[in-house]
Amino acid sequence: MTKTDIKRVITDFEWVIKILESSKNENHMKATLKCFSLWDSKYNNSNLSKIDSRLLTNLKSDFWSLYNEKNNKVGLISI
């Protein structure tokens, strides 16, 4: 990925996190998962360098950690 692509990946990820943070119920959490899935499929590319692949892996891990925390606050069952 180029620097521009990496900036876009992070900007789009931040958007997904904002949606997650604003979620207040089960429907919001489902929408968050759809947004994350779209982000993941948009940037999932087998031709990534090791560094870029690691960045995406770390962002995904961060999402799931934050999702589970929020999920517990909303009162849903953890995935």
N, C-alpha and C. Protein backbone atom coordinates (compact mmCIF):
# COMPACT_ATOMS: atom_id res chain seq x y z
N MET A 1 0.84 -1.18 0.00
CA MET A 1 0.00 0.00 0.00
C MET A 1 0.88 1.24 0.00
N THR A 2 0.35 2.28 -0.55
CA THR A 2 1.06 3.55 -0.52
C THR A 2 0.69 4.31 0.75
N LYS A 3 1.39 5.41 1.01
CA LYS A 3 1.06 6.22 2.19
C LYS A 3 -0.38 6.70 2.14
N THR A 4 -0.83 7.07 0.95
CA THR A 4 -2.21 7.52 0.78
C THR A 4 -3.18 6.41 1.15
N ASP A 5 -2.90 5.21 0.70
CA ASP A 5 -3.76 4.07 1.01
C ASP A 5 -3.80 3.80 2.51
N ILE A 6 -2.66 3.88 3.16
CA ILE A 6 -2.60 3.63 4.59
C ILE A 6 -3.40 4.70 5.34
N LYS A 7 -3.28 5.95 4.91
CA LYS A 7 -4.07 7.01 5.53
C LYS A 7 -5.56 6.74 5.37
N ARG A 8 -5.94 6.26 4.20
CA ARG A 8 -7.34 5.97 3.93
C ARG A 8 -7.82 4.80 4.79
N VAL A 9 -7.00 3.78 4.92
CA VAL A 9 -7.33 2.62 5.77
C VAL A 9 -7.61 3.10 7.19
N ILE A 10 -6.74 3.93 7.70
CA ILE A 10 -6.88 4.42 9.08
C ILE A 10 -8.08 5.35 9.22
N THR A 11 -8.26 6.24 8.25
CA THR A 11 -9.42 7.15 8.28
C THR A 11 -10.72 6.36 8.26
N ASP A 12 -10.81 5.37 7.40
CA ASP A 12 -12.02 4.55 7.34
C ASP A 12 -12.20 3.74 8.62
N PHE A 13 -11.11 3.26 9.19
CA PHE A 13 -11.19 2.52 10.45
C PHE A 13 -11.70 3.43 11.56
N GLU A 14 -11.21 4.63 11.62
CA GLU A 14 -11.67 5.58 12.65
C GLU A 14 -13.18 5.83 12.51
N TRP A 15 -13.67 5.85 11.29
CA TRP A 15 -15.10 6.02 11.05
C TRP A 15 -15.87 4.83 11.65
N VAL A 16 -15.38 3.63 11.44
CA VAL A 16 -16.02 2.43 12.00
C VAL A 16 -16.02 2.51 13.53
N ILE A 17 -14.93 2.96 14.11
CA ILE A 17 -14.84 3.07 15.56
C ILE A 17 -15.82 4.12 16.09
N LYS A 18 -15.99 5.21 15.37
CA LYS A 18 -16.97 6.22 15.79
C LYS A 18 -18.38 5.64 15.81
N ILE A 19 -18.68 4.81 14.83
CA ILE A 19 -19.99 4.16 14.79
C ILE A 19 -20.13 3.23 16.00
N LEU A 20 -19.09 2.47 16.26
CA LEU A 20 -19.09 1.58 17.42
C LEU A 20 -19.31 2.35 18.72
N GLU A 21 -18.57 3.43 18.89
CA GLU A 21 -18.67 4.21 20.12
C GLU A 21 -20.05 4.82 20.32
N SER A 22 -20.74 5.11 19.23
CA SER A 22 -22.07 5.73 19.35
C SER A 22 -23.19 4.70 19.49
N SER A 23 -22.86 3.43 19.38
CA SER A 23 -23.87 2.37 19.46
C SER A 23 -24.49 2.31 20.84
N LYS A 24 -25.83 2.14 20.86
CA LYS A 24 -26.55 2.12 22.13
C LYS A 24 -27.45 0.90 22.31
N ASN A 25 -27.61 0.10 21.25
CA ASN A 25 -28.48 -1.07 21.38
C ASN A 25 -28.06 -2.15 20.38
N GLU A 26 -28.80 -3.24 20.40
CA GLU A 26 -28.46 -4.39 19.56
C GLU A 26 -28.45 -4.05 18.07
N ASN A 27 -29.42 -3.27 17.62
CA ASN A 27 -29.45 -2.89 16.20
C ASN A 27 -28.23 -2.06 15.81
N HIS A 28 -27.82 -1.17 16.70
CA HIS A 28 -26.62 -0.38 16.43
C HIS A 28 -25.39 -1.27 16.34
N MET A 29 -25.32 -2.25 17.23
CA MET A 29 -24.17 -3.15 17.23
C MET A 29 -24.13 -3.99 15.96
N LYS A 30 -25.30 -4.40 15.48
CA LYS A 30 -25.36 -5.14 14.22
C LYS A 30 -24.88 -4.27 13.06
N ALA A 31 -25.29 -3.01 13.07
CA ALA A 31 -24.85 -2.07 12.03
C ALA A 31 -23.34 -1.87 12.09
N THR A 32 -22.82 -1.81 13.29
CA THR A 32 -21.37 -1.68 13.47
C THR A 32 -20.64 -2.87 12.85
N LEU A 33 -21.16 -4.06 13.08
CA LEU A 33 -20.53 -5.26 12.50
C LEU A 33 -20.56 -5.22 10.97
N LYS A 34 -21.66 -4.72 10.42
CA LYS A 34 -21.74 -4.60 8.96
C LYS A 34 -20.72 -3.61 8.43
N CYS A 35 -20.57 -2.48 9.13
CA CYS A 35 -19.59 -1.48 8.72
C CYS A 35 -18.17 -2.04 8.81
N PHE A 36 -17.90 -2.76 9.90
CA PHE A 36 -16.58 -3.36 10.05
C PHE A 36 -16.33 -4.38 8.95
N SER A 37 -17.33 -5.18 8.65
CA SER A 37 -17.20 -6.18 7.60
C SER A 37 -16.90 -5.53 6.24
N LEU A 38 -17.58 -4.43 5.96
CA LEU A 38 -17.32 -3.70 4.71
C LEU A 38 -15.90 -3.15 4.68
N TRP A 39 -15.47 -2.58 5.81
CA TRP A 39 -14.10 -2.07 5.89
C TRP A 39 -13.11 -3.21 5.68
N ASP A 40 -13.34 -4.32 6.33
CA ASP A 40 -12.45 -5.48 6.23
C ASP A 40 -12.36 -5.98 4.79
N SER A 41 -13.50 -6.12 4.15
CA SER A 41 -13.49 -6.63 2.77
C SER A 41 -12.87 -5.62 1.80
N LYS A 42 -13.01 -4.34 2.09
CA LYS A 42 -12.43 -3.31 1.22
C LYS A 42 -10.90 -3.36 1.23
N TYR A 43 -10.34 -3.62 2.41
CA TYR A 43 -8.88 -3.56 2.53
C TYR A 43 -8.21 -4.92 2.67
N ASN A 44 -8.97 -5.99 2.63
CA ASN A 44 -8.40 -7.32 2.70
C ASN A 44 -7.80 -7.67 1.35
N ASN A 45 -6.48 -7.75 1.30
CA ASN A 45 -5.78 -7.97 0.04
C ASN A 45 -4.60 -8.90 0.30
N SER A 46 -4.55 -9.97 -0.42
CA SER A 46 -3.49 -10.96 -0.20
C SER A 46 -2.13 -10.48 -0.69
N ASN A 47 -2.08 -9.39 -1.42
CA ASN A 47 -0.81 -8.88 -1.96
C ASN A 47 -0.18 -7.82 -1.06
N LEU A 48 -0.56 -7.77 0.19
CA LEU A 48 -0.03 -6.76 1.10
C LEU A 48 1.37 -7.13 1.57
N SER A 49 2.14 -6.10 1.87
CA SER A 49 3.44 -6.35 2.47
C SER A 49 3.22 -6.84 3.89
N LYS A 50 4.27 -7.37 4.49
CA LYS A 50 4.15 -7.87 5.87
C LYS A 50 3.77 -6.74 6.82
N ILE A 51 4.34 -5.57 6.62
CA ILE A 51 4.05 -4.43 7.49
C ILE A 51 2.59 -4.01 7.36
N ASP A 52 2.10 -3.92 6.13
CA ASP A 52 0.71 -3.53 5.92
C ASP A 52 -0.26 -4.59 6.45
N SER A 53 0.11 -5.83 6.24
CA SER A 53 -0.71 -6.93 6.75
C SER A 53 -0.78 -6.89 8.27
N ARG A 54 0.35 -6.61 8.90
CA ARG A 54 0.40 -6.51 10.36
C ARG A 54 -0.45 -5.35 10.85
N LEU A 55 -0.41 -4.22 10.13
CA LEU A 55 -1.22 -3.07 10.49
C LEU A 55 -2.70 -3.43 10.47
N LEU A 56 -3.13 -4.09 9.40
CA LEU A 56 -4.54 -4.49 9.32
C LEU A 56 -4.91 -5.48 10.42
N THR A 57 -4.03 -6.41 10.70
CA THR A 57 -4.28 -7.38 11.77
C THR A 57 -4.43 -6.66 13.11
N ASN A 58 -3.57 -5.70 13.37
CA ASN A 58 -3.64 -4.95 14.63
C ASN A 58 -4.92 -4.12 14.71
N LEU A 59 -5.32 -3.50 13.61
CA LEU A 59 -6.56 -2.72 13.61
C LEU A 59 -7.77 -3.63 13.85
N LYS A 60 -7.76 -4.79 13.23
CA LYS A 60 -8.86 -5.75 13.44
C LYS A 60 -8.92 -6.18 14.90
N SER A 61 -7.76 -6.46 15.47
CA SER A 61 -7.70 -6.86 16.86
C SER A 61 -8.22 -5.73 17.77
N ASP A 62 -7.83 -4.52 17.46
CA ASP A 62 -8.32 -3.37 18.23
C ASP A 62 -9.83 -3.25 18.13
N PHE A 63 -10.36 -3.45 16.93
CA PHE A 63 -11.81 -3.38 16.77
C PHE A 63 -12.50 -4.40 17.66
N TRP A 64 -12.05 -5.66 17.61
CA TRP A 64 -12.72 -6.72 18.36
C TRP A 64 -12.63 -6.49 19.86
N SER A 65 -11.53 -5.95 20.30
CA SER A 65 -11.39 -5.62 21.71
C SER A 65 -12.40 -4.55 22.12
N LEU A 66 -12.47 -3.49 21.33
CA LEU A 66 -13.41 -2.40 21.61
C LEU A 66 -14.86 -2.87 21.45
N TYR A 67 -15.09 -3.72 20.46
CA TYR A 67 -16.44 -4.24 20.23
C TYR A 67 -16.92 -5.05 21.44
N ASN A 68 -16.07 -5.92 21.94
CA ASN A 68 -16.44 -6.74 23.09
C ASN A 68 -16.69 -5.89 24.33
N GLU A 69 -15.88 -4.86 24.54
CA GLU A 69 -16.12 -3.95 25.66
C GLU A 69 -17.47 -3.27 25.53
N LYS A 70 -17.73 -2.74 24.34
CA LYS A 70 -19.00 -2.05 24.11
C LYS A 70 -20.17 -3.02 24.19
N ASN A 71 -19.97 -4.19 23.68
CA ASN A 71 -20.99 -5.23 23.71
C ASN A 71 -21.40 -5.54 25.15
N ASN A 72 -20.43 -5.61 26.03
CA ASN A 72 -20.73 -5.85 27.45
C ASN A 72 -21.50 -4.69 28.05
N LYS A 73 -21.19 -3.48 27.67
CA LYS A 73 -21.89 -2.30 28.19
C LYS A 73 -23.34 -2.25 27.69
N VAL A 74 -23.53 -2.64 26.44
CA VAL A 74 -24.87 -2.63 25.86
C VAL A 74 -25.69 -3.79 26.40
N GLY A 75 -25.02 -4.82 26.89
CA GLY A 75 -25.72 -5.94 27.51
C GLY A 75 -25.98 -7.11 26.58
N LEU A 76 -25.22 -7.20 25.52
CA LEU A 76 -25.36 -8.31 24.59
C LEU A 76 -24.38 -9.40 24.96
N ILE A 77 -24.57 -10.55 24.36
CA ILE A 77 -23.68 -11.69 24.59
C ILE A 77 -22.44 -11.50 23.72
N SER A 78 -21.26 -11.72 24.28
CA SER A 78 -20.02 -11.59 23.53
C SER A 78 -19.94 -12.64 22.45
N ILE A 79 -19.32 -12.24 21.36
CA ILE A 79 -19.12 -13.17 20.24
C ILE A 79 -17.79 -13.85 20.42
